[in-house]
Amino acid sequence: MKSEFSISLIGKKECATILDKYHYLKDISKGFKSGTNFGLWNNKHELVGVCIFTGLPVPELVRGMFGLDRRDQNGFFELSRLCLRPDVQAQEHNIASWFVSRTIKHLKKYNFPRAILSYADNDHHEGTIYRACNFNYYGLTTAKKDFWILQNDGSHIKHSRGKTKGVAGEWRPRSMKHRFVMVFDKTLDILWKKQN
């Protein structure tokens, strides 16, 4: 029963305890961005879920979505991480959408979001939770590639910034992501094409 769960703000270290164990991205605790972090607790006072809202990673996103200037970035959030303990998700019907809906209510009360963006990695899921929470769907991101630098031991690490010319490595396709947006500011007109 949902009444047996509670939600509170938590720190980055607490988020990492869930993300390290259960999130599909590897080594997530070493590089995930912390922001307004919500924890889901069961009636045994165990942390069983995490939902993290951050600012958008690059100002060009707001320009691409809404045509706004780089100086007009306040109030835009990304639901950047969502993770639940698998046994809780299996036992509690719709717990993920229930959790996300309530964290958005908290965010609206204290952070006054103009819009929230969330991605669903096409290699892992389709964003059913976001549809259930009334996000609008705006299709897949465009196909891109990332450069992976060859290491001495034969492994590769993803290159984050800078030149790649003359660097040993390879280009690999980046997984495409489903885009979901929830707009609260009625003065905003989204430029992306809404899809079913």
N, C-alpha and C. Protein backbone atom coordinates (compact mmCIF):
# COMPACT_ATOMS: atom_id res chain seq x y z
N MET A 1 0.83 -1.19 0.00
CA MET A 1 0.00 0.00 0.00
C MET A 1 0.87 1.24 0.00
N LYS A 2 0.48 2.24 -0.81
CA LYS A 2 1.29 3.46 -0.94
C LYS A 2 1.38 4.22 0.38
N SER A 3 0.40 4.04 1.26
CA SER A 3 0.41 4.74 2.55
C SER A 3 1.57 4.30 3.43
N GLU A 4 2.18 3.18 3.11
CA GLU A 4 3.31 2.69 3.90
C GLU A 4 4.64 3.33 3.47
N PHE A 5 4.60 4.21 2.47
CA PHE A 5 5.82 4.85 1.98
C PHE A 5 5.80 6.33 2.28
N SER A 6 7.00 6.89 2.45
CA SER A 6 7.13 8.33 2.65
C SER A 6 8.25 8.86 1.75
N ILE A 7 8.23 10.15 1.53
CA ILE A 7 9.19 10.81 0.64
C ILE A 7 9.85 11.96 1.38
N SER A 8 11.17 12.09 1.21
CA SER A 8 11.88 13.22 1.82
C SER A 8 13.06 13.62 0.94
N LEU A 9 13.56 14.82 1.18
CA LEU A 9 14.78 15.26 0.51
C LEU A 9 15.96 14.49 1.08
N ILE A 10 16.91 14.09 0.23
CA ILE A 10 18.08 13.35 0.68
C ILE A 10 19.33 13.91 0.01
N GLY A 11 20.50 13.51 0.51
CA GLY A 11 21.77 13.96 -0.03
C GLY A 11 22.32 13.04 -1.11
N LYS A 12 23.40 13.48 -1.71
CA LYS A 12 24.01 12.73 -2.81
C LYS A 12 24.51 11.35 -2.35
N LYS A 13 25.08 11.26 -1.16
CA LYS A 13 25.59 9.98 -0.66
C LYS A 13 24.47 8.97 -0.49
N GLU A 14 23.33 9.43 -0.01
CA GLU A 14 22.19 8.52 0.15
C GLU A 14 21.69 8.05 -1.23
N CYS A 15 21.67 8.96 -2.19
CA CYS A 15 21.27 8.58 -3.56
C CYS A 15 22.18 7.48 -4.09
N ALA A 16 23.47 7.64 -3.85
CA ALA A 16 24.46 6.69 -4.39
C ALA A 16 24.23 5.28 -3.88
N THR A 17 23.70 5.13 -2.66
CA THR A 17 23.50 3.77 -2.12
C THR A 17 22.49 2.99 -2.95
N ILE A 18 21.49 3.67 -3.50
CA ILE A 18 20.50 3.01 -4.36
C ILE A 18 21.02 2.91 -5.79
N LEU A 19 21.58 4.00 -6.30
CA LEU A 19 22.03 4.01 -7.69
C LEU A 19 23.14 2.99 -7.95
N ASP A 20 24.07 2.87 -7.00
CA ASP A 20 25.17 1.90 -7.15
C ASP A 20 24.66 0.47 -7.29
N LYS A 21 23.63 0.15 -6.55
CA LYS A 21 23.15 -1.23 -6.53
C LYS A 21 22.19 -1.55 -7.67
N TYR A 22 21.35 -0.57 -8.04
CA TYR A 22 20.21 -0.93 -8.87
C TYR A 22 20.07 -0.20 -10.20
N HIS A 23 20.80 0.89 -10.42
CA HIS A 23 20.64 1.62 -11.69
C HIS A 23 21.40 0.92 -12.81
N TYR A 24 20.85 0.94 -14.02
CA TYR A 24 21.46 0.23 -15.15
C TYR A 24 22.76 0.86 -15.65
N LEU A 25 22.99 2.16 -15.36
CA LEU A 25 24.25 2.78 -15.76
C LEU A 25 25.36 2.36 -14.81
N LYS A 26 26.49 1.96 -15.34
CA LYS A 26 27.60 1.50 -14.51
C LYS A 26 28.37 2.69 -13.92
N ASP A 27 28.93 2.49 -12.76
CA ASP A 27 29.74 3.50 -12.07
C ASP A 27 29.01 4.83 -11.93
N ILE A 28 27.71 4.76 -11.70
CA ILE A 28 26.93 5.98 -11.69
C ILE A 28 27.28 6.89 -10.51
N SER A 29 27.63 6.32 -9.37
CA SER A 29 27.88 7.15 -8.19
C SER A 29 29.12 8.01 -8.35
N LYS A 30 29.99 7.65 -9.28
CA LYS A 30 31.22 8.43 -9.46
C LYS A 30 30.98 9.69 -10.27
N GLY A 31 29.88 9.73 -11.03
CA GLY A 31 29.72 10.88 -11.90
C GLY A 31 28.32 11.46 -12.01
N PHE A 32 27.36 10.97 -11.24
CA PHE A 32 26.02 11.52 -11.41
C PHE A 32 25.92 12.90 -10.77
N LYS A 33 25.06 13.72 -11.36
CA LYS A 33 24.87 15.09 -10.88
C LYS A 33 23.78 15.10 -9.82
N SER A 34 24.10 15.71 -8.70
CA SER A 34 23.13 15.83 -7.62
C SER A 34 22.38 17.15 -7.79
N GLY A 35 21.16 17.19 -7.30
CA GLY A 35 20.37 18.41 -7.40
C GLY A 35 19.35 18.44 -6.28
N THR A 36 18.08 18.48 -6.65
CA THR A 36 17.00 18.33 -5.68
C THR A 36 16.68 16.84 -5.68
N ASN A 37 17.14 16.16 -4.63
CA ASN A 37 17.09 14.69 -4.57
C ASN A 37 16.00 14.24 -3.61
N PHE A 38 15.14 13.37 -4.09
CA PHE A 38 14.08 12.82 -3.25
C PHE A 38 14.32 11.34 -3.00
N GLY A 39 14.09 10.93 -1.76
CA GLY A 39 14.20 9.53 -1.40
C GLY A 39 12.84 8.95 -1.07
N LEU A 40 12.65 7.69 -1.45
CA LEU A 40 11.43 6.95 -1.12
C LEU A 40 11.78 5.97 0.00
N TRP A 41 11.03 6.04 1.09
CA TRP A 41 11.30 5.22 2.27
C TRP A 41 10.12 4.28 2.53
N ASN A 42 10.43 3.05 2.93
CA ASN A 42 9.35 2.13 3.31
C ASN A 42 9.08 2.28 4.81
N ASN A 43 8.12 1.49 5.32
CA ASN A 43 7.75 1.62 6.74
C ASN A 43 8.78 1.04 7.70
N LYS A 44 9.85 0.42 7.15
CA LYS A 44 10.97 -0.03 7.98
C LYS A 44 12.09 1.00 8.00
N HIS A 45 11.83 2.18 7.46
CA HIS A 45 12.80 3.28 7.37
C HIS A 45 13.99 2.93 6.48
N GLU A 46 13.73 2.11 5.46
CA GLU A 46 14.76 1.75 4.48
C GLU A 46 14.57 2.62 3.24
N LEU A 47 15.66 3.13 2.72
CA LEU A 47 15.62 3.89 1.48
C LEU A 47 15.46 2.90 0.33
N VAL A 48 14.37 3.03 -0.44
CA VAL A 48 14.07 2.05 -1.49
C VAL A 48 13.95 2.68 -2.87
N GLY A 49 14.10 4.01 -2.95
CA GLY A 49 14.00 4.67 -4.25
C GLY A 49 14.60 6.05 -4.23
N VAL A 50 14.99 6.52 -5.41
CA VAL A 50 15.62 7.82 -5.57
C VAL A 50 15.06 8.49 -6.83
N CYS A 51 14.76 9.77 -6.73
CA CYS A 51 14.35 10.58 -7.88
C CYS A 51 15.10 11.91 -7.78
N ILE A 52 15.90 12.21 -8.82
CA ILE A 52 16.78 13.38 -8.79
C ILE A 52 16.39 14.36 -9.90
N PHE A 53 16.20 15.62 -9.50
CA PHE A 53 15.96 16.71 -10.45
C PHE A 53 17.18 17.62 -10.45
N THR A 54 17.69 17.92 -11.64
CA THR A 54 18.85 18.80 -11.79
C THR A 54 18.50 19.90 -12.79
N GLY A 55 19.38 20.89 -12.88
CA GLY A 55 19.24 21.85 -13.96
C GLY A 55 19.57 21.15 -15.27
N LEU A 56 19.19 21.76 -16.38
CA LEU A 56 19.49 21.16 -17.67
C LEU A 56 21.00 21.20 -17.92
N PRO A 57 21.55 20.16 -18.56
CA PRO A 57 23.01 20.06 -18.68
C PRO A 57 23.65 21.14 -19.54
N VAL A 58 22.95 21.64 -20.55
CA VAL A 58 23.50 22.68 -21.42
C VAL A 58 22.41 23.70 -21.74
N PRO A 59 22.76 24.99 -21.81
CA PRO A 59 21.74 26.02 -22.08
C PRO A 59 21.11 25.89 -23.46
N GLU A 60 21.79 25.22 -24.39
CA GLU A 60 21.24 25.05 -25.73
C GLU A 60 19.93 24.26 -25.73
N LEU A 61 19.73 23.43 -24.69
CA LEU A 61 18.49 22.66 -24.61
C LEU A 61 17.27 23.58 -24.50
N VAL A 62 17.36 24.60 -23.66
CA VAL A 62 16.24 25.53 -23.50
C VAL A 62 16.02 26.30 -24.80
N ARG A 63 17.10 26.65 -25.46
CA ARG A 63 16.99 27.33 -26.76
C ARG A 63 16.32 26.42 -27.79
N GLY A 64 16.74 25.15 -27.82
CA GLY A 64 16.16 24.21 -28.77
C GLY A 64 14.71 23.85 -28.48
N MET A 65 14.37 23.77 -27.20
CA MET A 65 13.00 23.41 -26.82
C MET A 65 12.03 24.58 -26.95
N PHE A 66 12.47 25.75 -26.47
CA PHE A 66 11.54 26.87 -26.35
C PHE A 66 11.98 28.14 -27.09
N GLY A 67 13.18 28.12 -27.67
CA GLY A 67 13.67 29.30 -28.38
C GLY A 67 14.10 30.42 -27.46
N LEU A 68 14.39 30.09 -26.20
CA LEU A 68 14.76 31.12 -25.23
C LEU A 68 16.26 31.39 -25.24
N ASP A 69 16.61 32.59 -24.86
CA ASP A 69 18.00 33.02 -24.78
C ASP A 69 18.76 32.26 -23.70
N ARG A 70 20.08 32.19 -23.86
CA ARG A 70 20.93 31.53 -22.86
C ARG A 70 20.80 32.16 -21.47
N ARG A 71 20.39 33.42 -21.41
CA ARG A 71 20.25 34.10 -20.12
C ARG A 71 18.91 33.81 -19.45
N ASP A 72 18.05 33.11 -20.15
CA ASP A 72 16.72 32.79 -19.61
C ASP A 72 16.63 31.30 -19.32
N GLN A 73 17.35 30.87 -18.29
CA GLN A 73 17.48 29.44 -17.99
C GLN A 73 16.83 29.02 -16.67
N ASN A 74 16.37 29.98 -15.89
CA ASN A 74 15.83 29.65 -14.58
C ASN A 74 14.51 28.90 -14.69
N GLY A 75 14.33 27.93 -13.80
CA GLY A 75 13.07 27.21 -13.72
C GLY A 75 12.96 25.99 -14.60
N PHE A 76 14.06 25.61 -15.27
CA PHE A 76 14.04 24.43 -16.13
C PHE A 76 14.79 23.29 -15.45
N PHE A 77 14.16 22.14 -15.38
CA PHE A 77 14.72 21.00 -14.66
C PHE A 77 14.75 19.77 -15.57
N GLU A 78 15.69 18.89 -15.25
CA GLU A 78 15.71 17.56 -15.85
C GLU A 78 15.48 16.55 -14.75
N LEU A 79 14.56 15.63 -14.97
CA LEU A 79 14.43 14.49 -14.07
C LEU A 79 15.55 13.55 -14.53
N SER A 80 16.69 13.67 -13.88
CA SER A 80 17.91 13.06 -14.41
C SER A 80 18.16 11.63 -13.93
N ARG A 81 17.62 11.25 -12.81
CA ARG A 81 17.79 9.88 -12.32
C ARG A 81 16.54 9.43 -11.59
N LEU A 82 16.09 8.24 -11.91
CA LEU A 82 14.99 7.59 -11.21
C LEU A 82 15.38 6.14 -11.02
N CYS A 83 15.33 5.67 -9.80
CA CYS A 83 15.71 4.29 -9.53
C CYS A 83 14.95 3.78 -8.30
N LEU A 84 14.41 2.59 -8.42
CA LEU A 84 13.70 1.94 -7.31
C LEU A 84 14.30 0.56 -7.06
N ARG A 85 14.26 0.17 -5.82
CA ARG A 85 14.69 -1.18 -5.50
C ARG A 85 13.77 -2.16 -6.24
N PRO A 86 14.32 -3.13 -6.97
CA PRO A 86 13.50 -4.01 -7.82
C PRO A 86 12.38 -4.75 -7.10
N ASP A 87 12.62 -5.22 -5.89
CA ASP A 87 11.57 -5.96 -5.19
C ASP A 87 10.39 -5.05 -4.85
N VAL A 88 10.66 -3.79 -4.55
CA VAL A 88 9.59 -2.84 -4.24
C VAL A 88 8.79 -2.55 -5.50
N GLN A 89 9.48 -2.36 -6.61
CA GLN A 89 8.80 -2.09 -7.87
C GLN A 89 7.94 -3.28 -8.31
N ALA A 90 8.41 -4.49 -8.04
CA ALA A 90 7.66 -5.69 -8.42
C ALA A 90 6.42 -5.89 -7.54
N GLN A 91 6.53 -5.55 -6.26
CA GLN A 91 5.44 -5.80 -5.32
C GLN A 91 4.38 -4.70 -5.31
N GLU A 92 4.81 -3.47 -5.57
CA GLU A 92 3.90 -2.32 -5.47
C GLU A 92 3.50 -1.82 -6.85
N HIS A 93 2.29 -2.09 -7.25
CA HIS A 93 1.78 -1.68 -8.57
C HIS A 93 1.83 -0.15 -8.70
N ASN A 94 2.43 0.32 -9.77
CA ASN A 94 2.51 1.75 -10.09
C ASN A 94 3.29 2.59 -9.08
N ILE A 95 4.16 1.96 -8.29
CA ILE A 95 4.91 2.73 -7.29
C ILE A 95 5.81 3.77 -7.94
N ALA A 96 6.37 3.46 -9.11
CA ALA A 96 7.28 4.41 -9.77
C ALA A 96 6.54 5.68 -10.18
N SER A 97 5.39 5.55 -10.82
CA SER A 97 4.64 6.75 -11.24
C SER A 97 4.09 7.49 -10.02
N TRP A 98 3.70 6.74 -8.99
CA TRP A 98 3.24 7.37 -7.74
C TRP A 98 4.35 8.21 -7.13
N PHE A 99 5.56 7.67 -7.08
CA PHE A 99 6.72 8.34 -6.53
C PHE A 99 7.06 9.59 -7.35
N VAL A 100 7.14 9.46 -8.66
CA VAL A 100 7.48 10.60 -9.52
C VAL A 100 6.44 11.70 -9.40
N SER A 101 5.16 11.35 -9.41
CA SER A 101 4.09 12.35 -9.31
C SER A 101 4.20 13.16 -8.03
N ARG A 102 4.52 12.48 -6.93
CA ARG A 102 4.62 13.19 -5.66
C ARG A 102 5.89 14.03 -5.56
N THR A 103 6.96 13.57 -6.16
CA THR A 103 8.18 14.41 -6.14
C THR A 103 7.96 15.66 -6.97
N ILE A 104 7.23 15.55 -8.06
CA ILE A 104 6.93 16.74 -8.88
C ILE A 104 6.08 17.73 -8.09
N LYS A 105 5.13 17.23 -7.30
CA LYS A 105 4.33 18.13 -6.45
C LYS A 105 5.21 18.88 -5.47
N HIS A 106 6.17 18.18 -4.87
CA HIS A 106 7.11 18.83 -3.95
C HIS A 106 7.95 19.87 -4.69
N LEU A 107 8.43 19.50 -5.87
CA LEU A 107 9.26 20.41 -6.67
C LEU A 107 8.47 21.67 -7.03
N LYS A 108 7.21 21.51 -7.41
CA LYS A 108 6.37 22.65 -7.77
C LYS A 108 6.15 23.59 -6.58
N LYS A 109 6.07 23.01 -5.41
CA LYS A 109 5.79 23.80 -4.21
C LYS A 109 6.98 24.68 -3.81
N TYR A 110 8.20 24.18 -4.00
CA TYR A 110 9.37 24.89 -3.48
C TYR A 110 10.33 25.42 -4.54
N ASN A 111 10.31 24.86 -5.75
CA ASN A 111 11.29 25.26 -6.76
C ASN A 111 10.68 25.96 -7.97
N PHE A 112 9.38 25.99 -8.06
CA PHE A 112 8.65 26.70 -9.12
C PHE A 112 9.17 26.39 -10.52
N PRO A 113 9.10 25.12 -10.93
CA PRO A 113 9.60 24.76 -12.27
C PRO A 113 8.72 25.35 -13.38
N ARG A 114 9.37 25.78 -14.44
CA ARG A 114 8.65 26.21 -15.64
C ARG A 114 8.40 25.01 -16.55
N ALA A 115 9.37 24.07 -16.55
CA ALA A 115 9.22 22.85 -17.34
C ALA A 115 10.19 21.80 -16.82
N ILE A 116 9.82 20.54 -16.99
CA ILE A 116 10.69 19.41 -16.61
C ILE A 116 10.88 18.53 -17.85
N LEU A 117 12.14 18.21 -18.11
CA LEU A 117 12.52 17.31 -19.20
C LEU A 117 12.99 16.00 -18.61
N SER A 118 12.64 14.89 -19.24
CA SER A 118 13.20 13.61 -18.84
C SER A 118 13.46 12.77 -20.08
N TYR A 119 14.52 11.98 -20.01
CA TYR A 119 14.88 11.08 -21.09
C TYR A 119 14.67 9.64 -20.64
N ALA A 120 14.31 8.79 -21.59
CA ALA A 120 14.27 7.34 -21.36
C ALA A 120 15.21 6.71 -22.38
N ASP A 121 16.25 6.08 -21.89
CA ASP A 121 17.26 5.47 -22.77
C ASP A 121 16.63 4.34 -23.58
N ASN A 122 16.66 4.48 -24.89
CA ASN A 122 16.01 3.53 -25.80
C ASN A 122 16.56 2.10 -25.66
N ASP A 123 17.79 1.97 -25.18
CA ASP A 123 18.37 0.64 -24.99
C ASP A 123 17.83 -0.08 -23.76
N HIS A 124 17.16 0.66 -22.88
CA HIS A 124 16.73 0.07 -21.60
C HIS A 124 15.24 0.16 -21.32
N HIS A 125 14.59 1.24 -21.76
CA HIS A 125 13.15 1.36 -21.53
C HIS A 125 12.55 2.42 -22.45
N GLU A 126 11.22 2.53 -22.41
CA GLU A 126 10.51 3.42 -23.34
C GLU A 126 9.86 4.61 -22.68
N GLY A 127 9.96 4.72 -21.36
CA GLY A 127 9.39 5.88 -20.67
C GLY A 127 7.93 5.73 -20.28
N THR A 128 7.49 4.50 -20.06
CA THR A 128 6.10 4.26 -19.67
C THR A 128 5.73 5.04 -18.41
N ILE A 129 6.66 5.14 -17.48
CA ILE A 129 6.41 5.86 -16.22
C ILE A 129 6.10 7.32 -16.50
N TYR A 130 6.84 7.93 -17.42
CA TYR A 130 6.64 9.36 -17.71
C TYR A 130 5.30 9.59 -18.40
N ARG A 131 4.91 8.68 -19.26
CA ARG A 131 3.58 8.79 -19.87
C ARG A 131 2.50 8.71 -18.80
N ALA A 132 2.68 7.80 -17.84
CA ALA A 132 1.70 7.63 -16.76
C ALA A 132 1.61 8.87 -15.89
N CYS A 133 2.68 9.65 -15.85
CA CYS A 133 2.70 10.89 -15.04
C CYS A 133 2.29 12.12 -15.85
N ASN A 134 1.80 11.91 -17.07
CA ASN A 134 1.31 12.99 -17.94
C ASN A 134 2.38 13.88 -18.55
N PHE A 135 3.59 13.34 -18.71
CA PHE A 135 4.57 14.02 -19.54
C PHE A 135 4.12 13.87 -20.99
N ASN A 136 4.43 14.84 -21.83
CA ASN A 136 4.18 14.72 -23.27
C ASN A 136 5.42 14.14 -23.93
N TYR A 137 5.21 13.37 -24.98
CA TYR A 137 6.30 12.67 -25.66
C TYR A 137 6.71 13.44 -26.92
N TYR A 138 8.03 13.62 -27.10
CA TYR A 138 8.56 14.38 -28.23
C TYR A 138 9.58 13.59 -29.04
N GLY A 139 9.40 12.29 -29.13
CA GLY A 139 10.21 11.46 -30.01
C GLY A 139 11.61 11.19 -29.50
N LEU A 140 12.41 10.58 -30.37
CA LEU A 140 13.78 10.20 -30.03
C LEU A 140 14.76 11.33 -30.33
N THR A 141 15.83 11.37 -29.57
CA THR A 141 16.93 12.28 -29.87
C THR A 141 17.57 11.86 -31.19
N THR A 142 18.30 12.77 -31.81
CA THR A 142 18.96 12.44 -33.07
C THR A 142 20.13 11.49 -32.82
N ALA A 143 20.45 10.71 -33.84
CA ALA A 143 21.55 9.75 -33.73
C ALA A 143 22.88 10.49 -33.64
N LYS A 144 23.71 10.12 -32.68
CA LYS A 144 25.04 10.73 -32.49
C LYS A 144 26.04 9.64 -32.15
N LYS A 145 27.32 10.02 -32.22
CA LYS A 145 28.39 9.10 -31.84
C LYS A 145 29.27 9.75 -30.80
N ASP A 146 29.89 8.92 -29.97
CA ASP A 146 30.86 9.37 -28.97
C ASP A 146 32.22 8.74 -29.29
N PHE A 147 33.27 9.47 -28.94
CA PHE A 147 34.62 8.94 -29.15
C PHE A 147 35.08 8.25 -27.87
N TRP A 148 35.61 7.03 -28.04
CA TRP A 148 36.11 6.24 -26.92
C TRP A 148 37.62 6.10 -27.07
N ILE A 149 38.35 6.52 -26.04
CA ILE A 149 39.82 6.54 -26.08
C ILE A 149 40.37 5.17 -25.69
N LEU A 150 41.26 4.67 -26.51
CA LEU A 150 41.92 3.39 -26.25
C LEU A 150 42.90 3.54 -25.09
N GLN A 151 42.81 2.64 -24.11
CA GLN A 151 43.70 2.64 -22.95
C GLN A 151 44.83 1.63 -23.16
N ASN A 152 45.88 1.73 -22.36
CA ASN A 152 47.04 0.82 -22.48
C ASN A 152 46.67 -0.64 -22.31
N ASP A 153 45.65 -0.91 -21.51
CA ASP A 153 45.26 -2.31 -21.26
C ASP A 153 44.30 -2.86 -22.33
N GLY A 154 44.02 -2.05 -23.36
CA GLY A 154 43.13 -2.48 -24.43
C GLY A 154 41.68 -2.08 -24.24
N SER A 155 41.33 -1.58 -23.06
CA SER A 155 39.96 -1.12 -22.82
C SER A 155 39.78 0.29 -23.39
N HIS A 156 38.56 0.78 -23.34
CA HIS A 156 38.25 2.12 -23.84
C HIS A 156 37.50 2.90 -22.77
N ILE A 157 37.73 4.21 -22.72
CA ILE A 157 36.93 5.09 -21.87
C ILE A 157 36.34 6.19 -22.74
N LYS A 158 35.13 6.61 -22.37
CA LYS A 158 34.44 7.63 -23.15
C LYS A 158 35.14 8.97 -23.02
N HIS A 159 35.38 9.60 -24.14
CA HIS A 159 36.02 10.93 -24.19
C HIS A 159 34.96 11.98 -23.90
N SER A 160 35.24 12.88 -22.96
CA SER A 160 34.22 13.86 -22.61
C SER A 160 34.34 15.17 -23.38
N ARG A 161 35.56 15.71 -23.49
CA ARG A 161 35.74 16.99 -24.19
C ARG A 161 37.11 17.07 -24.82
N GLY A 162 37.23 17.97 -25.78
CA GLY A 162 38.52 18.24 -26.37
C GLY A 162 38.72 17.55 -27.72
N LYS A 163 39.92 17.68 -28.22
CA LYS A 163 40.24 17.17 -29.55
C LYS A 163 40.36 15.64 -29.55
N THR A 164 40.03 15.09 -30.70
CA THR A 164 40.18 13.64 -30.88
C THR A 164 41.18 13.32 -31.99
N LYS A 165 41.56 14.32 -32.75
CA LYS A 165 42.50 14.09 -33.85
C LYS A 165 43.84 13.61 -33.30
N GLY A 166 44.32 12.50 -33.82
CA GLY A 166 45.59 11.94 -33.39
C GLY A 166 45.49 11.10 -32.12
N VAL A 167 44.30 10.98 -31.54
CA VAL A 167 44.10 10.19 -30.33
C VAL A 167 43.65 8.79 -30.73
N ALA A 168 44.28 7.76 -30.17
CA ALA A 168 43.90 6.38 -30.48
C ALA A 168 42.55 6.07 -29.85
N GLY A 169 41.67 5.52 -30.65
CA GLY A 169 40.35 5.17 -30.14
C GLY A 169 39.39 4.90 -31.27
N GLU A 170 38.09 4.95 -30.95
CA GLU A 170 37.08 4.64 -31.95
C GLU A 170 35.79 5.39 -31.67
N TRP A 171 35.05 5.64 -32.73
CA TRP A 171 33.73 6.26 -32.61
C TRP A 171 32.69 5.17 -32.45
N ARG A 172 31.81 5.35 -31.45
CA ARG A 172 30.74 4.37 -31.20
C ARG A 172 29.39 5.09 -31.19
N PRO A 173 28.35 4.43 -31.71
CA PRO A 173 27.01 5.05 -31.67
C PRO A 173 26.56 5.27 -30.24
N ARG A 174 25.97 6.41 -30.00
CA ARG A 174 25.38 6.72 -28.70
C ARG A 174 23.93 6.23 -28.70
N SER A 175 23.49 5.67 -27.59
CA SER A 175 22.10 5.21 -27.55
C SER A 175 21.17 6.42 -27.66
N MET A 176 20.12 6.24 -28.44
CA MET A 176 19.14 7.32 -28.59
C MET A 176 18.20 7.31 -27.38
N LYS A 177 17.61 8.46 -27.12
CA LYS A 177 16.76 8.59 -25.94
C LYS A 177 15.40 9.14 -26.31
N HIS A 178 14.37 8.60 -25.66
CA HIS A 178 13.02 9.13 -25.80
C HIS A 178 12.94 10.42 -24.97
N ARG A 179 12.32 11.47 -25.53
CA ARG A 179 12.23 12.77 -24.85
C ARG A 179 10.82 12.99 -24.32
N PHE A 180 10.73 13.33 -23.04
CA PHE A 180 9.46 13.62 -22.39
C PHE A 180 9.54 14.98 -21.70
N VAL A 181 8.51 15.79 -21.86
CA VAL A 181 8.51 17.13 -21.26
C VAL A 181 7.16 17.40 -20.60
N MET A 182 7.24 18.02 -19.42
CA MET A 182 6.05 18.52 -18.72
C MET A 182 6.24 20.03 -18.55
N VAL A 183 5.31 20.80 -19.12
CA VAL A 183 5.42 22.27 -19.08
C VAL A 183 4.40 22.83 -18.09
N PHE A 184 4.86 23.71 -17.20
CA PHE A 184 3.99 24.37 -16.23
C PHE A 184 3.75 25.83 -16.57
N ASP A 185 4.75 26.47 -17.18
CA ASP A 185 4.66 27.88 -17.56
C ASP A 185 3.86 27.99 -18.85
N LYS A 186 2.64 28.48 -18.74
CA LYS A 186 1.73 28.54 -19.89
C LYS A 186 2.16 29.56 -20.93
N THR A 187 3.16 30.39 -20.64
CA THR A 187 3.66 31.34 -21.64
C THR A 187 4.66 30.69 -22.59
N LEU A 188 5.08 29.46 -22.29
CA LEU A 188 6.06 28.77 -23.11
C LEU A 188 5.39 28.01 -24.25
N ASP A 189 5.99 28.11 -25.41
CA ASP A 189 5.57 27.30 -26.57
C ASP A 189 6.73 26.40 -26.94
N ILE A 190 6.51 25.10 -26.85
CA ILE A 190 7.58 24.16 -27.16
C ILE A 190 7.74 24.03 -28.67
N LEU A 191 8.98 24.04 -29.12
CA LEU A 191 9.28 23.99 -30.55
C LEU A 191 9.35 22.56 -31.07
N TRP A 192 9.57 21.61 -30.20
CA TRP A 192 9.64 20.22 -30.61
C TRP A 192 8.25 19.75 -31.03
N LYS A 193 8.22 18.78 -31.91
CA LYS A 193 6.94 18.24 -32.38
C LYS A 193 6.47 17.12 -31.45
N LYS A 194 5.28 17.31 -30.93
CA LYS A 194 4.69 16.31 -30.04
C LYS A 194 4.36 15.05 -30.83
N GLN A 195 4.59 13.90 -30.22
CA GLN A 195 4.32 12.62 -30.88
C GLN A 195 3.49 11.74 -29.97
N ASN A 196 2.95 10.68 -30.54
CA ASN A 196 2.12 9.75 -29.74
C ASN A 196 2.97 8.69 -29.10
